[in-house]
Protein backbone atom coordinates (compact mmCIF):
# COMPACT_ATOMS: atom_id res chain seq x y z
CA MET A 1 19.69 -8.22 6.77
CA THR A 2 19.35 -8.22 3.00
CA TYR A 3 16.30 -7.03 1.00
CA THR A 4 15.52 -7.93 -2.53
CA CYS A 5 14.60 -5.42 -5.25
CA ILE A 6 14.23 -5.06 -8.99
CA ILE A 7 14.82 -2.19 -11.35
CA VAL A 8 12.26 -1.44 -14.04
CA ASP A 9 13.04 1.18 -16.79
CA ASP A 10 12.84 1.14 -20.66
CA ASN A 11 15.89 3.44 -20.96
CA GLU A 12 19.12 1.40 -21.04
CA ILE A 13 21.19 4.30 -19.65
CA GLU A 14 18.92 5.06 -16.87
CA ARG A 15 18.67 1.41 -15.93
CA ASP A 16 22.38 1.09 -15.85
CA ALA A 17 22.68 4.34 -13.59
CA ILE A 18 20.10 3.11 -11.08
CA GLU A 19 21.78 -0.29 -11.04
CA MET A 20 25.07 1.19 -10.31
CA HIS A 21 23.68 3.17 -7.46
CA LEU A 22 21.93 0.24 -5.91
CA LYS A 23 24.90 -1.97 -6.15
CA LYS A 24 26.70 0.26 -3.65
CA ILE A 25 24.04 -0.48 -0.89
CA PRO A 26 25.05 -3.62 0.84
CA SER A 27 21.64 -4.31 2.25
CA LEU A 28 20.04 -4.64 -1.22
CA ASN A 29 20.02 -7.80 -3.55
CA ILE A 30 19.03 -6.94 -7.01
CA LEU A 31 17.01 -9.87 -8.40
CA ALA A 32 16.44 -8.58 -11.91
CA VAL A 33 16.88 -5.47 -14.13
CA CYS A 34 13.95 -5.19 -16.41
CA SER A 35 13.55 -3.24 -19.61
CA SER A 36 9.58 -3.03 -19.51
CA GLY A 37 6.73 -3.26 -17.21
CA ILE A 38 5.55 -6.38 -18.77
CA GLU A 39 8.81 -8.14 -18.03
CA ALA A 40 8.72 -6.89 -14.46
CA SER A 41 5.04 -8.01 -14.05
CA GLN A 42 6.05 -11.61 -15.19
CA ILE A 43 8.79 -11.64 -12.50
CA LEU A 44 6.64 -10.08 -9.76
CA SER A 45 3.98 -12.81 -10.49
CA THR A 46 6.17 -15.59 -9.51
CA THR A 47 8.81 -13.98 -7.20
CA SER A 48 8.56 -12.28 -3.83
CA VAL A 49 10.27 -8.84 -4.05
CA ASP A 50 10.70 -6.28 -1.26
CA ILE A 51 11.24 -3.17 -3.27
CA VAL A 52 10.60 -2.04 -6.91
CA PHE A 53 12.58 0.90 -8.40
CA SER A 54 10.38 1.71 -11.42
CA ASP A 55 10.23 4.37 -14.06
CA ILE A 56 6.58 5.58 -14.79
CA ASP A 57 6.44 6.49 -18.44
CA MET A 58 7.01 3.19 -20.18
CA PRO A 59 5.23 1.80 -23.36
CA GLU A 60 2.53 -0.97 -23.01
CA LEU A 61 2.55 -1.03 -19.31
CA SER A 62 3.54 2.09 -17.32
CA GLY A 63 4.98 1.96 -13.84
CA MET A 64 1.65 3.14 -12.25
CA ASP A 65 -0.28 0.45 -14.23
CA LEU A 66 2.18 -2.12 -13.11
CA LEU A 67 1.63 -1.11 -9.38
CA LYS A 68 -2.09 -1.33 -9.86
CA SER A 69 -1.96 -4.79 -11.49
CA LEU A 70 -0.34 -6.52 -8.58
CA LYS A 71 -2.36 -8.23 -5.94
CA GLN A 72 0.61 -8.52 -3.57
CA GLN A 73 2.28 -5.24 -3.83
CA PRO A 74 5.92 -4.60 -2.96
CA LEU A 75 7.17 -1.30 -2.02
CA PHE A 76 7.25 1.07 -5.00
CA ILE A 77 9.91 3.82 -5.46
CA PHE A 78 9.12 5.71 -8.73
CA VAL A 79 12.17 7.17 -10.55
CA THR A 80 10.88 9.44 -13.39
CA SER A 81 11.62 12.54 -15.33
CA PHE A 82 7.96 13.80 -15.08
CA THR A 83 7.27 15.66 -11.82
CA GLU A 84 3.56 15.89 -12.79
CA TYR A 85 3.11 12.16 -11.79
CA ALA A 86 4.00 12.91 -8.20
CA ALA A 87 0.44 13.43 -6.88
CA GLU A 88 -0.90 10.32 -8.49
CA SER A 89 1.99 8.05 -7.37
CA PHE A 90 1.36 9.00 -3.70
CA ASN A 91 -2.34 8.43 -4.18
CA LEU A 92 -1.27 4.87 -5.19
CA ASP A 93 0.72 4.55 -1.96
CA ALA A 94 4.16 4.64 -3.61
CA LEU A 95 6.68 5.01 -0.92
CA ASP A 96 8.77 7.51 -2.65
CA PHE A 97 9.07 9.52 -5.82
CA ILE A 98 12.61 10.42 -7.22
CA VAL A 99 13.01 12.89 -10.12
CA LYS A 100 15.74 11.98 -12.67
CA PRO A 101 18.68 12.25 -12.86
CA ALA A 102 18.74 10.17 -9.66
CA THR A 103 21.65 10.72 -7.57
CA PHE A 104 23.23 8.14 -5.25
CA GLU A 105 22.26 10.23 -2.23
CA ARG A 106 18.66 10.33 -3.27
CA ILE A 107 18.49 6.67 -4.03
CA LEU A 108 20.04 5.72 -0.72
CA LYS A 109 17.63 8.12 1.07
CA ALA A 110 14.62 6.30 -0.60
CA THR A 111 16.14 2.94 0.08
CA ASN A 112 16.63 3.66 3.80
CA LYS A 113 13.16 4.73 4.02
CA ALA A 114 11.92 1.54 2.50
CA ILE A 115 13.95 -0.58 4.83
CA GLU A 116 12.71 1.38 7.77
CA TYR A 117 9.11 0.70 6.57
CA LEU A 118 9.86 -2.99 6.10
CA GLU A 119 11.29 -3.18 9.60
CA LEU A 120 8.30 -1.39 11.06
CA LYS A 121 5.92 -3.85 9.43
CA LYS A 122 7.53 -6.67 11.46
CA LEU A 123 6.73 -4.80 14.62
CA VAL A 124 3.13 -4.17 13.82
CA GLY A 125 2.04 -7.55 15.38
CA LYS A 126 3.66 -6.70 18.72
CA ILE A 127 1.61 -3.44 19.18
CA PRO A 128 -2.03 -3.57 20.22
CA GLN A 129 -4.15 -2.32 17.17
CA HIS A 130 -7.13 -0.78 19.01
CA VAL A 131 -7.05 2.91 19.11
CA ASP A 132 -7.23 5.15 22.21
CA LYS A 133 -9.84 7.78 21.50
CA SER A 134 -8.70 11.20 22.71
CA THR A 135 -10.51 14.36 22.28
CA ASN A 136 -9.13 17.31 20.31
CA SER A 137 -10.94 20.10 22.02
CA ASP A 138 -9.38 23.56 22.22
CA GLY A 139 -8.39 22.85 25.76
CA ASP A 140 -6.19 19.92 24.96
CA ASP A 141 -2.46 20.43 24.27
CA HIS A 142 -1.46 16.80 23.88
CA PHE A 143 -2.24 13.47 22.33
CA PHE A 144 -1.30 9.74 23.01
CA PHE A 145 -0.19 7.08 20.42
CA ARG A 146 1.06 3.51 20.64
CA GLU A 147 4.56 2.34 20.00
CA THR A 148 6.50 -0.74 20.93
CA LYS A 149 7.42 0.57 24.43
CA GLY A 150 3.89 1.28 25.20
CA ILE A 151 1.53 4.35 25.14
CA THR A 152 3.36 7.63 24.76
CA LYS A 153 2.11 11.17 25.50
CA LEU A 154 3.33 13.95 23.30
CA LYS A 155 2.40 17.59 23.24
CA TYR A 156 1.24 19.22 19.91
CA ASP A 157 3.71 22.04 20.26
CA ASP A 158 6.54 19.57 20.50
CA VAL A 159 5.81 18.12 17.04
CA ILE A 160 7.84 19.96 14.37
CA TYR A 161 6.64 17.83 11.34
CA ILE A 162 5.36 14.51 10.24
CA GLU A 163 6.45 12.38 7.46
CA SER A 164 4.45 9.67 5.62
CA MET A 165 5.82 6.07 5.81
CA GLY A 166 2.86 4.53 3.86
CA ASP A 167 0.65 2.84 6.41
CA PHE A 168 2.72 4.52 9.18
CA SER A 169 3.85 7.95 10.05
CA LYS A 170 7.00 9.36 11.43
CA LEU A 171 6.81 12.27 14.00
CA PHE A 172 9.76 14.53 14.53
CA THR A 173 10.50 16.54 17.59
CA SER A 174 13.57 18.78 18.25
CA THR A 175 15.28 15.79 19.90
CA ASP A 176 13.60 12.64 18.86
CA LYS A 177 11.41 10.96 16.35
CA HIS A 178 8.47 8.53 16.93
CA ILE A 179 6.74 6.01 14.68
CA VAL A 180 2.92 5.98 14.72
CA LEU A 181 0.89 3.11 13.28
CA VAL A 182 -1.45 5.69 11.45
CA SER A 183 -1.30 6.92 7.99
CA LEU A 184 -0.67 10.56 7.32
CA LYS A 185 -4.20 10.79 5.81
CA ASN A 186 -5.69 9.63 9.02
CA LEU A 187 -3.45 11.76 11.29
CA GLU A 188 -4.49 14.79 9.25
CA LYS A 189 -8.02 14.20 10.21
CA GLN A 190 -7.29 13.89 13.87
CA LEU A 191 -4.75 16.55 14.55
CA PRO A 192 -5.90 20.14 15.22
CA SER A 193 -6.03 22.03 11.93
CA LYS A 194 -5.18 25.34 13.57
CA ILE A 195 -1.77 23.89 14.45
CA PHE A 196 -0.95 21.47 11.75
CA SER A 197 -0.90 21.78 7.93
CA ARG A 198 -0.40 19.48 4.94
CA VAL A 199 2.32 21.04 2.77
CA HIS A 200 2.95 17.88 0.63
CA LYS A 201 1.66 14.57 -0.14
CA GLN A 202 4.12 13.09 2.31
CA TYR A 203 4.39 15.88 4.90
CA ILE A 204 2.49 17.71 7.51
CA ILE A 205 4.10 20.65 9.55
CA ASN A 206 3.41 22.47 12.71
CA ILE A 207 2.87 25.94 11.49
CA ASN A 208 4.22 27.34 14.87
CA HIS A 209 7.71 26.08 13.85
CA ILE A 210 8.00 27.80 10.54
CA ALA A 211 11.21 29.74 10.24
CA THR A 212 11.23 30.40 6.41
CA LEU A 213 8.96 29.64 3.50
CA THR A 214 10.49 29.56 0.03
CA ASN A 215 8.85 28.73 -3.40
CA HIS A 216 9.53 24.95 -2.90
CA GLU A 217 10.56 24.31 0.70
CA VAL A 218 9.51 24.99 4.28
CA HIS A 219 12.52 25.73 6.59
CA LEU A 220 11.39 24.77 10.22
CA GLU A 221 13.09 25.35 13.49
CA HIS A 222 15.90 23.10 14.54
CA HIS A 223 17.19 23.05 10.93
CA PHE A 224 14.50 20.85 9.47
CA ILE A 225 13.56 21.28 5.82
CA VAL A 226 10.50 19.81 4.00
CA PRO A 227 9.18 20.25 0.40
CA ILE A 228 6.01 22.14 -0.25
CA SER A 229 3.75 21.87 -3.23
CA ALA A 230 2.53 25.06 -5.16
CA SER A 231 -1.17 24.39 -4.09
CA ASN A 232 -0.27 23.67 -0.50
CA ARG A 233 1.96 26.70 -0.24
CA GLN A 234 -0.91 28.91 -1.44
CA GLU A 235 -3.13 27.30 1.19
CA LEU A 236 -0.49 27.85 3.90
CA LEU A 237 -0.11 31.47 2.94
CA GLU A 238 -3.82 32.16 3.18
CA LYS A 239 -4.29 30.09 6.35
CA ALA A 240 -1.36 31.13 8.58
CA ILE A 241 1.03 33.55 7.02
CA ASP A 242 -0.63 36.36 4.96
CA LYS A 243 -2.57 37.71 7.97
CA LYS A 244 0.56 38.06 10.01
CA ILE A 245 2.87 39.64 7.36
CA LEU A 246 3.91 43.10 8.56
CA SER A 247 2.53 45.70 6.25
CA ARG A 248 4.70 48.60 4.86
CA PHE A 249 1.78 50.93 5.28
CA LEU A 250 -0.83 51.23 7.98
CA LYS A 251 -4.37 51.45 6.88
């Protein structure tokens, strides 16, 4: 299946680079290449679009203001040079955030995520929407969730990390992945905080599966790697790591 998209960037060189990358992806149909947020807004007001690849820092109408102005919002993937916009972009439910210069591999990863999300939206109506209430007392070691094949039981210890998919979340185990029709924000409220920790706007990890912590990434068991923000790194250190670090000297 083919999905429609538009490109929005006030820099001609950056526009051309993104267009060149997107033309390599057979499942995308580029409807328009826009030099401003205002031009994109006019197109989006009259045309149905699946995905918008947009710069943020643009004159007159920024990428974020463009997203806020739309009643019917397509999926937004921001492509920008300014990393400080990341937190706000995810608060606006942007699906992804790419830092320039955008490589083909990074554009492809974001596109695949968007297509997966669009496919999931088609399945929502096939899954009962009432929620099974399960307790999270200290004695529980598992939870239930709904997916297309029915209700699935999963042990907390088996979950290595969780990735946001907008309104949905993707749970990764060592051998499989599951789609949950619950946002990352709501999952964070329901999962036991002693085991799970938010490390990024788009990721929650199981702290029992941490292998290595660097300044910008968490390396998890089974060769998974997720990004970690500076503030979340400090929280993780205080919550789960500092107290277990071996000391050179005994007090």
